[in-house]
C-alpha cells in the first residue's frame, strides 16, 4: 500500500516542517527552532482538529504547490494573506480559490497552489492527523543549519512526498476561525537586555526612539535591522552566554540583530534588549522590508502580556465556527453516504 502523502510539485521559496520547537536541549548546543509565529501554527492545527503542538508546514514569502496523494485530506491555511487555489488536474486549469483561516477537504489527485504571501512573512499549512515524521529530540521542527528534524533536515524540494498519518479525512463539516488578529505590530515591546549597561543611557534610549527596517539578510536565525547603528560604551565582546528568543544583540558594526527561532544557543555580543514573549508571534510575522519600532516595558507588564497571549491560545477553539454548506458541498456528501445512486425520470404518463 502506497503511503498517504502530500507530493511537492513546487516547493515555494522556503517551506519547512515546524512545530512548537525542541525545548530542553540548548545546554547541548541544539537550538529550539520551531514556528516563527506559534499563534498561527496553533490556529491552523485547531481548525483541522490537531493538538496545538502538532507539526505543520511553515511557508515563507512564496507558497508551494502540493498534490494530494491520499484518499482525502483536510487542510487549513493560517497566517499571511495569500491566494490559495485548488485544481483537479495537474494542468492547473479551472481552479477554485479557497480562503485562509478555514478548513477544506481535498480528494486524491487534487492540487493546491499557494501564491505569494501578503502582510506577513509566514503562513502555516496544517493537515488533519498531522505529518508522519519521526521527532528528533522531541520535535519535528526543521533546523536547516544542523540538518536535523523536519523532512530530511532541510527545506522541501520538488518531488518530496511528505508522509501523512491518515489516508482519509474524518467525516465532519468544515469550519472557520473568527476574531484572530494577525496584523503586523506597530511597536514591539521589550525589556532591558542582560548587557544593556554596555551602552550609554542615550544610546540605549536611541533604540526606542528610532524606526528600523527589516533588512534583506534576515532569516529564521535572526532579523537584521537597518537604521541607526548603536555605539558600544564598553566594547562589543563579552563572555558568551545564553540567548533568549527575541534577544536584540549589537555586534561590532552596531547594527541590531533580533534573534529568532533558529538562533544560536550562546553568543558573545552584548544584548541590549529582549522582545517580550507575548510579542514573539508578531515578531515572527514581520517580513523583510517592513518598518518596526521598539517600546521599553517593565517585567510586570511583560508577564501580564504573556498571560493575555496564553488566554488567546486557550480561546482559539471557542472562536471556531462551522462553515455554511453550499450546494457544491452537499452533492459529494450524498454520494459518500450512498444517498444518491443514480437518476430517475420525474415525468409520468397521463392517466
Protein backbone atom coordinates (compact mmCIF):
# COMPACT_ATOMS: atom_id res chain seq x y z
CA UNK A 1 0.00 0.00 0.00
CA UNK A 2 1.36 3.42 -1.00
CA UNK A 3 1.84 5.74 1.95
CA UNK A 4 -0.55 8.70 2.13
CA UNK A 5 1.35 11.89 1.44
CA UNK A 6 1.45 15.39 0.05
CA UNK A 7 3.70 15.41 -3.01
CA UNK A 8 5.67 18.60 -3.57
CA UNK A 9 5.19 19.76 -7.16
CA UNK A 10 6.91 23.10 -6.44
CA UNK A 11 8.41 23.91 -3.03
CA UNK A 12 7.95 27.68 -2.83
CA UNK A 13 10.70 29.91 -1.51
CA UNK A 14 11.23 28.22 1.86
CA UNK A 15 8.79 25.57 3.08
CA UNK A 16 9.78 23.58 6.15
CA UNK A 17 8.18 21.33 8.74
CA UNK A 18 7.82 23.12 12.08
CA UNK A 19 6.08 22.58 15.41
CA UNK A 20 6.50 24.46 18.72
CA UNK A 21 10.21 23.60 18.89
CA UNK A 22 12.60 21.31 20.77
CA UNK A 23 12.91 22.89 24.19
CA UNK A 24 15.29 21.49 26.79
CA UNK A 25 18.40 20.84 24.69
CA UNK A 26 20.12 24.21 24.48
CA UNK A 27 22.70 23.05 27.04
CA UNK A 28 23.80 20.59 24.34
CA UNK A 29 24.09 23.37 21.77
CA UNK A 30 20.84 22.37 19.98
CA UNK A 31 18.65 25.35 19.01
CA UNK A 32 14.94 25.35 19.83
CA UNK A 33 13.79 26.14 16.25
CA UNK A 34 10.02 25.80 15.81
CA UNK A 35 7.41 28.07 14.25
CA UNK A 36 8.28 31.72 13.76
CA UNK A 37 4.62 32.51 14.51
CA UNK A 38 3.36 29.96 17.06
CA UNK A 39 -0.06 31.65 17.26
CA UNK A 40 -0.79 31.00 13.58
CA UNK A 41 0.56 27.44 13.89
CA UNK A 42 -1.76 26.73 16.82
CA UNK A 43 -4.70 28.25 14.95
CA UNK A 44 -4.10 26.13 11.84
CA UNK A 45 -3.91 22.99 13.97
CA UNK A 46 -7.11 23.93 15.82
CA UNK A 47 -9.01 24.24 12.52
CA UNK A 48 -8.17 20.66 11.49
CA UNK A 49 -8.60 19.22 15.00
CA UNK A 50 -4.93 18.58 15.77
CA UNK A 51 -3.13 19.14 19.09
CA UNK A 52 -1.71 22.67 19.19
CA UNK A 53 1.90 21.43 19.08
CA UNK A 54 1.46 19.19 16.02
CA UNK A 55 3.89 19.67 13.16
CA UNK A 56 2.76 21.58 10.08
CA UNK A 57 4.28 23.20 7.01
CA UNK A 58 5.70 26.68 7.52
CA UNK A 59 5.71 28.69 4.30
CA UNK A 60 7.90 31.78 3.93
CA UNK A 61 7.12 34.52 1.40
CA UNK A 62 6.09 32.30 -1.56
CA UNK A 63 4.00 29.19 -1.17
CA UNK A 64 4.34 25.66 -2.54
CA UNK A 65 2.25 23.63 -4.96
CA UNK A 66 1.18 20.32 -3.41
CA UNK A 67 -0.54 17.25 -4.87
CA UNK A 68 -2.83 15.14 -2.67
CA UNK A 69 -1.71 11.50 -2.65
CA UNK A 70 -4.27 10.21 -0.17
CA UNK A 71 -7.94 9.31 -0.50
CA UNK A 72 -8.81 12.62 1.14
CA UNK A 73 -7.13 15.22 3.34
CA UNK A 74 -8.28 18.15 5.42
CA UNK A 75 -6.07 21.23 5.32
CA UNK A 76 -6.10 24.66 6.93
CA UNK A 77 -4.08 27.74 5.98
CA UNK A 78 -3.41 30.39 8.65
CA UNK A 79 -1.00 33.33 8.77
CA UNK A 80 -0.29 35.68 5.89
CA UNK A 81 -2.91 36.53 3.30
CA UNK A 82 -2.30 34.51 0.15
CA UNK A 83 -4.07 33.20 -2.92
CA UNK A 84 -4.81 29.52 -2.38
CA UNK A 85 -6.12 27.76 -5.49
CA UNK A 86 -7.27 24.15 -5.84
CA UNK A 87 -7.16 22.30 -9.17
CA UNK A 88 -8.46 18.90 -10.17
CA UNK A 89 -5.69 18.13 -12.65
CA UNK A 90 -2.01 18.86 -12.97
CA UNK A 91 -2.73 21.12 -15.93
CA UNK A 92 -3.76 23.60 -13.19
CA UNK A 93 -6.68 24.98 -15.17
CA UNK A 94 -10.14 25.84 -13.89
CA UNK A 95 -9.02 26.31 -10.32
CA UNK A 96 -11.20 27.12 -7.31
CA UNK A 97 -9.99 29.76 -4.88
CA UNK A 98 -10.33 28.94 -1.20
CA UNK A 99 -10.00 31.15 1.84
CA UNK A 100 -7.38 31.14 4.53
CA UNK A 101 -8.49 30.88 8.19
CA UNK A 102 -10.74 27.92 7.41
CA UNK A 103 -10.52 24.18 6.80
CA UNK A 104 -11.04 22.48 3.45
CA UNK A 105 -11.31 18.84 2.39
CA UNK A 106 -9.49 17.74 -0.75
CA UNK A 107 -9.51 14.47 -2.68
CA UNK A 108 -6.80 12.30 -4.21
CA UNK A 109 -5.13 13.93 -7.19
CA UNK A 110 -6.22 17.46 -6.41
CA UNK A 111 -3.53 20.14 -6.48
CA UNK A 112 -3.30 23.09 -4.12
CA UNK A 113 -1.16 26.06 -5.06
CA UNK A 114 -0.26 28.81 -2.59
CA UNK A 115 0.87 32.10 -4.10
CA UNK A 116 2.92 34.98 -2.72
CA UNK A 117 2.30 35.91 0.90
CA UNK A 118 0.88 39.33 1.72
CA UNK A 119 1.04 41.17 5.04
CA UNK A 120 3.19 38.62 6.85
CA UNK A 121 6.37 36.64 6.38
CA UNK A 122 4.86 33.22 7.11
CA UNK A 123 1.82 31.01 6.54
CA UNK A 124 1.08 27.61 8.09
CA UNK A 125 -0.50 24.61 6.37
CA UNK A 126 -1.87 22.13 8.89
CA UNK A 127 -3.06 18.63 7.90
CA UNK A 128 -5.70 16.75 9.87
CA UNK A 129 -3.98 13.94 11.78
CA UNK A 130 -0.57 15.54 11.32
CA UNK A 131 2.59 14.54 9.46
CA UNK A 132 4.03 11.05 9.86
CA UNK A 133 7.56 12.22 10.64
CA UNK A 134 9.72 10.87 13.46
CA UNK A 135 10.67 13.54 16.01
CA UNK A 136 14.30 14.40 16.70
CA UNK A 137 14.93 15.38 20.32
CA UNK A 138 11.20 15.50 20.87
CA UNK A 139 10.30 17.73 17.91
CA UNK A 140 9.69 17.54 14.17
CA UNK A 141 10.89 21.12 13.66
CA UNK A 142 13.44 21.62 10.91
CA UNK A 143 16.81 23.12 11.86
CA UNK A 144 18.37 23.62 8.44
CA UNK A 145 21.87 24.63 9.58
CA UNK A 146 22.20 21.45 11.63
CA UNK A 147 20.27 19.32 9.11
CA UNK A 148 18.09 17.82 11.84
CA UNK A 149 14.35 17.36 12.21
CA UNK A 150 11.61 18.00 9.69
CA UNK A 151 11.78 16.25 6.35
CA UNK A 152 15.38 15.04 5.91
CA UNK A 153 16.65 18.03 7.89
CA UNK A 154 16.05 20.53 5.09
CA UNK A 155 13.52 22.69 3.29
CA UNK A 156 11.16 20.85 0.94
CA UNK A 157 12.16 20.36 -2.69
CA UNK A 158 10.21 19.32 -5.77
CA UNK A 159 9.47 15.61 -5.75
CA UNK A 160 9.36 15.22 -1.97
CA UNK A 161 6.48 13.19 -0.59
CA UNK A 162 5.65 14.41 2.91
CA UNK A 163 4.03 11.42 4.67
CA UNK A 164 0.69 11.77 6.45
CA UNK A 165 -0.63 9.83 9.44
CA UNK A 166 -4.01 9.10 7.88
CA UNK A 167 -5.29 8.24 4.42
CA UNK A 168 -8.77 9.72 4.83
CA UNK A 169 -10.12 12.92 6.31
CA UNK A 170 -12.76 12.46 9.01
CA UNK A 171 -16.43 12.92 8.13
CA UNK A 172 -17.26 16.33 9.57
CA UNK A 173 -18.27 19.79 8.49
CA UNK A 174 -15.67 22.38 7.60
CA UNK A 175 -15.10 25.36 9.87
CA UNK A 176 -13.51 28.78 10.02
CA UNK A 177 -11.75 30.85 12.64
CA UNK A 178 -13.10 34.22 13.78
CA UNK A 179 -11.67 37.08 15.83
CA UNK A 180 -7.98 36.35 15.28
CA UNK A 181 -5.84 39.43 14.70
CA UNK A 182 -2.70 38.56 12.75
CA UNK A 183 -1.84 42.11 11.77
CA UNK A 184 1.70 43.41 11.98
CA UNK A 185 2.52 45.23 15.22
CA UNK A 186 3.05 48.98 15.27
CA UNK A 187 5.58 48.52 18.06
CA UNK A 188 7.41 45.55 19.58
CA UNK A 189 7.60 45.64 23.36
CA UNK A 190 10.95 44.94 25.02
CA UNK A 191 12.58 44.65 28.40
CA UNK A 192 16.15 45.74 29.07
CA UNK A 193 18.66 43.12 27.97
CA UNK A 194 21.31 41.46 30.16
CA UNK A 195 24.06 43.74 28.78
CA UNK A 196 22.10 46.97 28.40
CA UNK A 197 24.79 48.64 30.56
CA UNK A 198 27.30 48.08 27.74
CA UNK A 199 25.68 51.16 26.17
CA UNK A 200 25.37 54.73 27.37
CA UNK A 201 21.96 55.92 28.52
CA UNK A 202 21.49 57.96 25.33
CA UNK A 203 22.44 55.00 23.08
CA UNK A 204 20.12 52.68 24.99
CA UNK A 205 17.25 55.15 24.61
CA UNK A 206 18.09 55.56 20.92
CA UNK A 207 16.93 52.00 20.23
CA UNK A 208 13.42 53.03 21.30
CA UNK A 209 13.30 56.41 19.61
CA UNK A 210 14.22 55.37 16.05
CA UNK A 211 12.49 53.35 13.35
CA UNK A 212 14.21 50.36 11.78
CA UNK A 213 13.72 48.44 8.53
CA UNK A 214 13.96 44.65 8.36
CA UNK A 215 16.96 44.00 6.13
CA UNK A 216 17.37 41.57 3.25
CA UNK A 217 19.88 39.46 5.19
CA UNK A 218 17.19 38.33 7.64
CA UNK A 219 16.33 34.64 8.01
CA UNK A 220 14.91 32.20 10.56
CA UNK A 221 18.01 32.68 12.72
CA UNK A 222 17.93 36.44 13.03
CA UNK A 223 16.26 39.63 11.83
CA UNK A 224 18.88 42.13 10.66
CA UNK A 225 17.77 45.73 11.13
CA UNK A 226 18.72 48.71 9.01
CA UNK A 227 18.61 52.12 10.67
CA UNK A 228 20.55 53.97 13.33
CA UNK A 229 23.52 51.88 14.43
CA UNK A 230 24.26 51.81 18.15
CA UNK A 231 27.64 52.57 19.71
CA UNK A 232 29.06 50.39 22.44
CA UNK A 233 30.34 52.07 25.58
CA UNK A 234 32.23 49.03 26.95
CA UNK A 235 33.26 47.17 23.81
CA UNK A 236 31.35 44.58 21.85
CA UNK A 237 32.93 41.33 23.04
CA UNK A 238 31.55 39.55 26.10
CA UNK A 239 31.95 36.09 27.57
CA UNK A 240 29.44 34.03 25.64
CA UNK A 241 26.21 33.42 27.48
CA UNK A 242 22.76 32.02 26.75
CA UNK A 243 20.45 33.65 24.24
CA UNK A 244 16.73 34.02 24.85
CA UNK A 245 14.23 34.25 21.97
CA UNK A 246 13.80 37.86 20.88
CA UNK A 247 17.23 38.95 22.16
CA UNK A 248 18.49 42.07 20.38
CA UNK A 249 22.25 41.75 20.06
CA UNK A 250 24.54 44.51 18.86
CA UNK A 251 27.64 43.22 17.02
CA UNK A 252 30.75 45.24 16.29
CA UNK A 253 29.21 47.23 13.43
CA UNK A 254 26.40 48.47 15.71
CA UNK A 255 23.55 47.17 13.51
CA UNK A 256 20.91 45.44 15.70
CA UNK A 257 20.02 41.78 15.12
CA UNK A 258 16.85 40.35 16.67
CA UNK A 259 17.38 36.63 17.28
CA UNK A 260 14.57 34.31 16.18
CA UNK A 261 13.59 30.63 16.26
CA UNK A 262 16.83 29.18 14.80
CA UNK A 263 19.06 31.40 16.97
CA UNK A 264 22.34 30.01 18.28
CA UNK A 265 22.22 28.83 21.88
CA UNK A 266 25.01 31.16 23.10
CA UNK A 267 26.54 34.36 21.82
CA UNK A 268 29.35 36.77 22.54
CA UNK A 269 27.83 40.13 21.57
CA UNK A 270 26.08 42.44 24.06
CA UNK A 271 22.30 42.07 24.12
CA UNK A 272 20.74 45.48 24.63
CA UNK A 273 17.10 44.41 24.94
CA UNK A 274 14.75 41.43 24.61
CA UNK A 275 11.42 41.36 22.77
CA UNK A 276 8.86 40.11 25.28
CA UNK A 277 7.48 36.59 24.84
CA UNK A 278 3.94 37.86 24.16
CA UNK A 279 5.21 39.70 21.06
CA UNK A 280 7.27 36.83 19.63
CA UNK A 281 4.44 35.57 17.35
CA UNK A 282 4.04 39.08 15.93
CA UNK A 283 7.82 39.41 15.59
CA UNK A 284 7.89 36.20 13.52
CA UNK A 285 5.32 37.65 11.13
CA UNK A 286 7.31 40.79 10.27
CA UNK A 287 8.56 40.49 6.66
CA UNK A 288 11.70 41.80 5.02
CA UNK A 289 11.28 45.48 4.14
CA UNK A 290 8.80 46.21 6.94
CA UNK A 291 9.31 49.14 9.33
CA UNK A 292 9.38 48.41 13.05
CA UNK A 293 9.82 50.30 16.30
CA UNK A 294 10.54 49.16 19.85
CA UNK A 295 8.94 50.14 23.15
CA UNK A 296 10.51 49.62 26.58
CA UNK A 297 8.20 47.99 29.15
CA UNK A 298 8.57 46.60 32.66
CA UNK A 299 8.92 42.94 33.60
CA UNK A 300 5.49 43.16 35.24
CA UNK A 301 3.92 44.40 32.00
CA UNK A 302 5.67 41.61 30.08
CA UNK A 303 4.28 38.95 32.44
CA UNK A 304 0.75 40.36 32.15
CA UNK A 305 1.02 40.40 28.35
CA UNK A 306 2.18 36.78 28.35
CA UNK A 307 -0.86 35.78 30.40
CA UNK A 308 -3.12 37.53 27.87
CA UNK A 309 -1.41 35.70 24.99
CA UNK A 310 -1.94 32.33 26.69
CA UNK A 311 -5.58 33.30 27.13
CA UNK A 312 -5.70 33.87 23.37
CA UNK A 313 -4.22 30.41 22.84
CA UNK A 314 -6.91 28.92 25.09
CA UNK A 315 -9.70 30.75 23.24
CA UNK A 316 -8.76 29.57 19.75
CA UNK A 317 -11.14 26.60 19.76
CA UNK A 318 -14.03 28.69 21.08
CA UNK A 319 -13.57 31.04 18.09
CA UNK A 320 -14.05 28.24 15.55
CA UNK A 321 -17.47 28.23 13.87
CA UNK A 322 -18.96 25.89 11.22
CA UNK A 323 -18.96 26.92 7.59
CA UNK A 324 -22.40 27.03 5.95
CA UNK A 325 -22.85 24.29 3.40
CA UNK A 326 -23.31 25.21 -0.23
CA UNK A 327 -24.92 23.21 -2.97
CA UNK A 328 -21.45 22.22 -4.20
CA UNK A 329 -20.73 20.75 -0.77
CA UNK A 330 -23.90 18.69 -0.47
CA UNK A 331 -23.62 16.58 -3.64
CA UNK A 332 -20.34 14.82 -2.76
CA UNK A 333 -21.61 14.29 0.78
CA UNK A 334 -24.72 12.48 -0.50
CA UNK A 335 -22.62 10.28 -2.75
CA UNK A 336 -20.31 9.46 0.19
CA UNK A 337 -23.31 8.20 2.15
CA UNK A 338 -24.87 6.31 -0.79
CA UNK A 339 -27.89 8.60 -0.71
CA UNK A 340 -27.54 9.19 -4.44
CA UNK A 341 -27.21 6.06 -6.53
CA UNK A 342 -28.44 7.21 -9.89
CA UNK A 343 -31.21 9.25 -11.50
CA UNK A 344 -34.88 8.76 -12.30
CA UNK A 345 -37.21 10.37 -14.80
CA UNK A 346 -39.61 12.58 -12.90
CA UNK A 347 -42.05 12.77 -15.83
CA UNK A 348 -45.04 10.40 -15.73
CA UNK A 349 -47.55 9.45 -18.36
CA UNK A 350 -51.05 10.93 -18.37
CA UNK A 351 -53.82 8.93 -16.82
